[in-house]
Amino acid sequence: MTLTPGEIAVVAGIGLAAGTLGGLLGIGGSIIMIPGMVILFPGRGADAQHLFQAAAMAVNVAVSLPAAIRHAKAGALRVDLLKWLLPTGLAAILLGVWFSNRLDGMTLRRIFAGFLLFLAAQQILKVYLKKPDFTPETSTVTPARAGTVGGVLGMAAGLLGIGGGILAVPLAQWLCRIPLKQAIAASSATMCITAAIGATMKISTLPEHHQTPADALLLAAALTPTAMIGGWLGASLTHRLPMLWIRGALAILLLLAAWRMSGL
């Protein structure tokens, strides 16, 4: 694969958008990167889904790291939650990558489209319900609850090439009853490790799908610089912008991406 100057500019723009959204909501940014690459490179075939997922997983490390640092400086990172998220998340992401390699590219793409529709409905529901946030005093962080969150994060990340935070953040709030910003911080910190391990495994198995690790690394290199800038910016905005606005914009983006990924 070679990238023209115009394609590099578009990929960099995708990285900036994905990084900002990922840092803002603790989700890694793959829900923007993967559909963006599918639209930009339509001639690569269905199996390119594996390539795009591998590249996105590598970039998720770059998105999560500055975001995690920013959240830690803001005092939102909870060690009691993180110490149980990490081991289950690592085990689950390896299992998820293994399972994703058993599926063809088009099946993965359609699963991803269905996942985006689910997320869009989830965000729309949150906009209308306007539920109050949890407080630190309501927290119920236990090994079983936190471990479940880590398992869901890792499995989703490995199977779909996403950060996993878009599922882990609401699940952590529901099970552990923690404030949204603390859930986002824990998700971002966990993804620093799980995404690195998962990306290494996924990239190494790309030849099974007639894709090359070099192409994944090239795309990741084009996405990473702006994604890192966006990750830091998004994490800063988490502590400034109303979540209601963000969720509404995210729901619209998810619906558009799901339509494109479905192949309809």
Protein backbone atom coordinates (compact mmCIF):
# COMPACT_ATOMS: atom_id res chain seq x y z
CA MET A 1 0.00 0.00 0.00
CA THR A 2 1.13 3.54 -0.83
CA LEU A 3 -0.61 6.73 0.27
CA THR A 4 -0.90 9.84 -1.88
CA PRO A 5 -0.49 13.27 -0.21
CA GLY A 6 -4.27 13.72 -0.41
CA GLU A 7 -4.91 10.35 1.24
CA ILE A 8 -2.39 11.15 3.97
CA ALA A 9 -4.23 14.40 4.69
CA VAL A 10 -7.61 12.63 4.86
CA VAL A 11 -6.21 9.86 7.07
CA ALA A 12 -4.70 12.50 9.36
CA GLY A 13 -8.11 14.19 9.57
CA ILE A 14 -9.71 10.87 10.47
CA GLY A 15 -7.07 10.43 13.18
CA LEU A 16 -7.76 13.87 14.64
CA ALA A 17 -11.53 13.29 14.74
CA ALA A 18 -11.12 9.81 16.19
CA GLY A 19 -8.61 10.94 18.79
CA THR A 20 -10.74 13.84 19.96
CA LEU A 21 -13.84 11.69 20.28
CA GLY A 22 -11.88 8.85 21.87
CA GLY A 23 -10.27 11.09 24.47
CA LEU A 24 -13.54 12.86 25.13
CA LEU A 25 -15.55 9.71 25.87
CA GLY A 26 -12.85 7.15 26.71
CA ILE A 27 -13.73 5.00 23.70
CA GLY A 28 -10.49 4.73 21.72
CA GLY A 29 -11.77 6.24 18.47
CA SER A 30 -12.10 3.09 16.32
CA ILE A 31 -15.77 3.77 15.67
CA ILE A 32 -14.55 6.72 13.58
CA MET A 33 -11.28 5.30 12.22
CA ILE A 34 -12.57 2.00 10.86
CA PRO A 35 -15.60 3.36 8.92
CA GLY A 36 -13.40 6.24 7.75
CA MET A 37 -10.84 3.85 6.25
CA VAL A 38 -13.56 1.69 4.71
CA ILE A 39 -14.91 4.77 2.90
CA LEU A 40 -11.44 6.03 1.91
CA PHE A 41 -10.17 2.69 0.54
CA PRO A 42 -13.21 0.96 -1.03
CA GLY A 43 -11.10 -1.07 -3.46
CA ARG A 44 -9.26 -3.11 -0.83
CA GLY A 45 -12.01 -5.76 -0.56
CA ALA A 46 -13.93 -7.19 2.37
CA ASP A 47 -10.86 -8.76 4.01
CA ALA A 48 -9.41 -5.27 4.43
CA GLN A 49 -11.67 -5.07 7.49
CA HIS A 50 -9.00 -7.09 9.30
CA LEU A 51 -6.34 -4.61 8.12
CA PHE A 52 -8.34 -1.57 9.26
CA GLN A 53 -9.08 -3.16 12.63
CA ALA A 54 -5.40 -3.93 13.18
CA ALA A 55 -4.38 -0.35 12.35
CA ALA A 56 -7.12 1.09 14.57
CA MET A 57 -6.09 -1.10 17.51
CA ALA A 58 -2.52 0.18 17.22
CA VAL A 59 -3.72 3.79 17.13
CA ASN A 60 -5.94 3.19 20.17
CA VAL A 61 -2.76 2.99 22.23
CA ALA A 62 -1.79 6.47 21.05
CA VAL A 63 -5.29 7.80 21.76
CA SER A 64 -5.60 6.23 25.19
CA LEU A 65 -2.19 7.13 26.61
CA PRO A 66 -2.43 10.96 26.55
CA ALA A 67 -6.08 10.73 27.57
CA ALA A 68 -5.21 8.52 30.56
CA ILE A 69 -2.46 10.93 31.64
CA ARG A 70 -4.87 13.86 31.39
CA HIS A 71 -7.53 12.04 33.44
CA ALA A 72 -4.97 11.04 36.07
CA LYS A 73 -3.85 14.66 36.45
CA ALA A 74 -7.51 15.63 36.90
CA GLY A 75 -7.77 13.12 39.78
CA ALA A 76 -10.34 10.93 38.02
CA LEU A 77 -8.36 7.66 37.89
CA ARG A 78 -9.40 4.98 40.41
CA VAL A 79 -6.74 2.38 41.17
CA ASP A 80 -9.23 0.06 42.91
CA LEU A 81 -11.16 -0.27 39.64
CA LEU A 82 -8.13 -0.40 37.35
CA LYS A 83 -6.41 -3.30 39.13
CA TRP A 84 -9.33 -5.60 38.26
CA LEU A 85 -10.04 -4.21 34.81
CA LEU A 86 -6.54 -4.90 33.49
CA PRO A 87 -6.13 -8.69 33.99
CA THR A 88 -9.58 -9.62 32.71
CA GLY A 89 -9.31 -7.11 29.87
CA LEU A 90 -6.00 -8.60 28.72
CA ALA A 91 -7.28 -12.16 28.74
CA ALA A 92 -10.49 -11.20 26.92
CA ILE A 93 -8.80 -9.17 24.17
CA LEU A 94 -6.59 -12.11 23.21
CA LEU A 95 -9.67 -14.32 23.01
CA GLY A 96 -11.51 -11.69 20.97
CA VAL A 97 -8.68 -11.37 18.42
CA TRP A 98 -8.55 -15.15 18.06
CA PHE A 99 -12.29 -15.26 17.39
CA SER A 100 -12.17 -12.36 14.91
CA ASN A 101 -9.58 -14.27 12.87
CA ARG A 102 -12.09 -17.09 12.43
CA LEU A 103 -14.55 -14.73 10.63
CA ASP A 104 -14.42 -13.39 7.07
CA GLY A 105 -14.12 -9.65 6.46
CA MET A 106 -17.69 -9.01 5.34
CA THR A 107 -19.14 -10.82 8.34
CA LEU A 108 -16.95 -8.72 10.62
CA ARG A 109 -18.00 -5.55 8.80
CA ARG A 110 -21.69 -6.32 9.24
CA ILE A 111 -21.24 -7.22 12.91
CA PHE A 112 -19.50 -3.87 13.30
CA ALA A 113 -22.40 -2.08 11.56
CA GLY A 114 -24.89 -3.73 13.91
CA PHE A 115 -22.73 -2.74 16.85
CA LEU A 116 -22.75 0.89 15.70
CA LEU A 117 -26.56 0.86 15.45
CA PHE A 118 -26.77 -0.45 19.01
CA LEU A 119 -24.45 2.29 20.21
CA ALA A 120 -26.43 4.99 18.37
CA ALA A 121 -29.65 3.83 20.05
CA GLN A 122 -27.85 3.81 23.40
CA GLN A 123 -26.66 7.40 22.98
CA ILE A 124 -30.09 8.63 21.83
CA LEU A 125 -31.69 6.99 24.86
CA LYS A 126 -29.22 8.70 27.18
CA VAL A 127 -29.95 12.08 25.60
CA TYR A 128 -33.68 11.72 26.28
CA LEU A 129 -33.49 10.11 29.73
CA LYS A 130 -31.06 12.71 31.13
CA LYS A 131 -30.29 10.51 34.12
CA PRO A 132 -28.26 12.10 36.92
CA ASP A 133 -24.67 10.95 37.29
CA PHE A 134 -23.48 8.72 40.13
CA THR A 135 -21.35 10.16 42.92
CA PRO A 136 -18.15 8.71 44.47
CA GLU A 137 -20.16 7.85 47.58
CA THR A 138 -22.41 5.45 45.61
CA SER A 139 -19.48 3.34 44.31
CA THR A 140 -19.62 -0.45 44.63
CA VAL A 141 -16.30 -1.55 43.12
CA THR A 142 -15.73 -5.29 43.69
CA PRO A 143 -13.46 -7.80 41.90
CA ALA A 144 -16.47 -9.49 40.24
CA ARG A 145 -18.05 -6.26 39.02
CA ALA A 146 -14.82 -4.65 37.83
CA GLY A 147 -13.63 -7.92 36.29
CA THR A 148 -16.84 -8.21 34.30
CA VAL A 149 -16.31 -4.73 32.90
CA GLY A 150 -12.75 -5.64 31.92
CA GLY A 151 -13.90 -8.81 30.20
CA VAL A 152 -16.49 -6.97 28.12
CA LEU A 153 -13.96 -4.27 27.20
CA GLY A 154 -11.37 -6.83 26.10
CA MET A 155 -13.72 -9.06 24.11
CA ALA A 156 -15.24 -6.14 22.21
CA ALA A 157 -11.78 -4.71 21.52
CA GLY A 158 -10.37 -7.97 20.22
CA LEU A 159 -13.36 -8.95 18.11
CA LEU A 160 -14.14 -5.58 16.50
CA GLY A 161 -10.85 -3.68 16.72
CA ILE A 162 -12.40 -1.00 18.91
CA GLY A 163 -11.08 0.40 22.16
CA GLY A 164 -13.89 -1.30 24.06
CA GLY A 165 -14.54 1.73 26.20
CA ILE A 166 -17.81 2.58 24.54
CA LEU A 167 -19.22 -0.56 26.17
CA ALA A 168 -17.04 -0.56 29.26
CA VAL A 169 -17.81 3.03 30.30
CA PRO A 170 -21.62 2.63 30.65
CA LEU A 171 -21.18 -0.90 32.06
CA ALA A 172 -18.75 0.37 34.71
CA GLN A 173 -21.25 3.03 35.67
CA TRP A 174 -24.10 0.53 35.89
CA LEU A 175 -22.25 -2.23 37.75
CA CYS A 176 -19.84 -0.20 39.87
CA ARG A 177 -22.03 2.90 40.26
CA ILE A 178 -19.19 5.33 39.67
CA PRO A 179 -19.29 8.84 38.14
CA LEU A 180 -18.99 9.07 34.35
CA LYS A 181 -15.61 10.83 34.42
CA GLN A 182 -14.12 8.11 36.64
CA ALA A 183 -15.46 5.41 34.30
CA ILE A 184 -13.93 7.19 31.28
CA ALA A 185 -10.58 7.54 33.07
CA ALA A 186 -10.46 3.83 34.01
CA SER A 187 -11.39 2.82 30.46
CA SER A 188 -8.68 4.99 28.92
CA ALA A 189 -5.99 3.67 31.27
CA THR A 190 -6.97 0.04 30.67
CA MET A 191 -6.89 0.48 26.90
CA CYS A 192 -3.28 1.66 27.03
CA ILE A 193 -2.29 -1.92 27.88
CA THR A 194 -5.03 -4.05 26.27
CA ALA A 195 -4.85 -2.24 22.93
CA ALA A 196 -1.08 -2.69 22.74
CA ILE A 197 -1.30 -6.44 23.33
CA GLY A 198 -4.32 -6.89 21.07
CA ALA A 199 -2.81 -4.85 18.22
CA THR A 200 0.39 -6.90 18.33
CA MET A 201 -1.56 -10.15 18.00
CA LYS A 202 -3.90 -8.84 15.30
CA ILE A 203 -1.11 -7.36 13.16
CA SER A 204 0.95 -10.55 13.38
CA THR A 205 -1.99 -12.62 12.06
CA LEU A 206 -2.87 -10.36 9.09
CA PRO A 207 -1.25 -12.67 6.50
CA GLU A 208 -4.03 -15.17 7.26
CA HIS A 209 -6.39 -12.66 5.58
CA HIS A 210 -4.13 -11.74 2.64
CA GLN A 211 -3.11 -8.47 4.27
CA THR A 212 0.36 -7.35 5.29
CA PRO A 213 1.55 -6.09 8.69
CA ALA A 214 3.46 -3.34 6.87
CA ASP A 215 0.19 -1.87 5.52
CA ALA A 216 -1.32 -1.82 9.02
CA LEU A 217 1.75 -0.07 10.40
CA LEU A 218 1.67 2.46 7.54
CA LEU A 219 -1.96 3.36 8.25
CA ALA A 220 -1.29 3.49 11.98
CA ALA A 221 1.67 5.81 11.41
CA ALA A 222 -0.50 8.17 9.34
CA LEU A 223 -3.28 8.18 11.93
CA THR A 224 -1.24 8.32 15.13
CA PRO A 225 0.18 11.90 15.27
CA THR A 226 -3.18 13.65 14.91
CA ALA A 227 -4.92 10.97 17.00
CA MET A 228 -2.56 11.71 19.89
CA ILE A 229 -3.26 15.43 19.61
CA GLY A 230 -6.98 14.71 19.50
CA GLY A 231 -6.75 12.32 22.47
CA TRP A 232 -5.23 15.02 24.67
CA LEU A 233 -7.69 17.63 23.44
CA GLY A 234 -10.70 15.34 23.92
CA ALA A 235 -9.66 14.35 27.43
CA SER A 236 -9.40 18.05 28.33
CA LEU A 237 -12.85 18.73 26.89
CA THR A 238 -14.34 15.89 28.98
CA HIS A 239 -14.03 18.16 32.00
CA ARG A 240 -15.49 21.21 30.23
CA LEU A 241 -18.26 20.34 27.73
CA PRO A 242 -21.84 19.23 28.51
CA MET A 243 -22.15 15.50 27.82
CA LEU A 244 -25.65 16.02 26.41
CA TRP A 245 -24.29 17.84 23.35
CA ILE A 246 -21.57 15.27 22.83
CA ARG A 247 -23.93 12.31 22.97
CA GLY A 248 -26.27 13.86 20.39
CA ALA A 249 -23.47 14.46 17.91
CA LEU A 250 -22.07 10.98 18.51
CA ALA A 251 -25.44 9.33 17.83
CA ILE A 252 -25.65 11.01 14.40
CA LEU A 253 -22.11 9.94 13.50
CA LEU A 254 -22.81 6.35 14.56
CA LEU A 255 -25.94 6.11 12.40
CA LEU A 256 -24.10 7.38 9.34
CA ALA A 257 -21.17 5.03 9.92
CA ALA A 258 -23.44 2.01 10.45
CA TRP A 259 -25.22 2.69 7.14
CA ARG A 260 -21.92 2.83 5.28
CA MET A 261 -20.41 -0.22 6.98
CA SER A 262 -23.47 -2.41 6.34
CA GLY A 263 -22.78 -2.49 2.59
CA LEU A 264 -26.38 -1.55 1.75
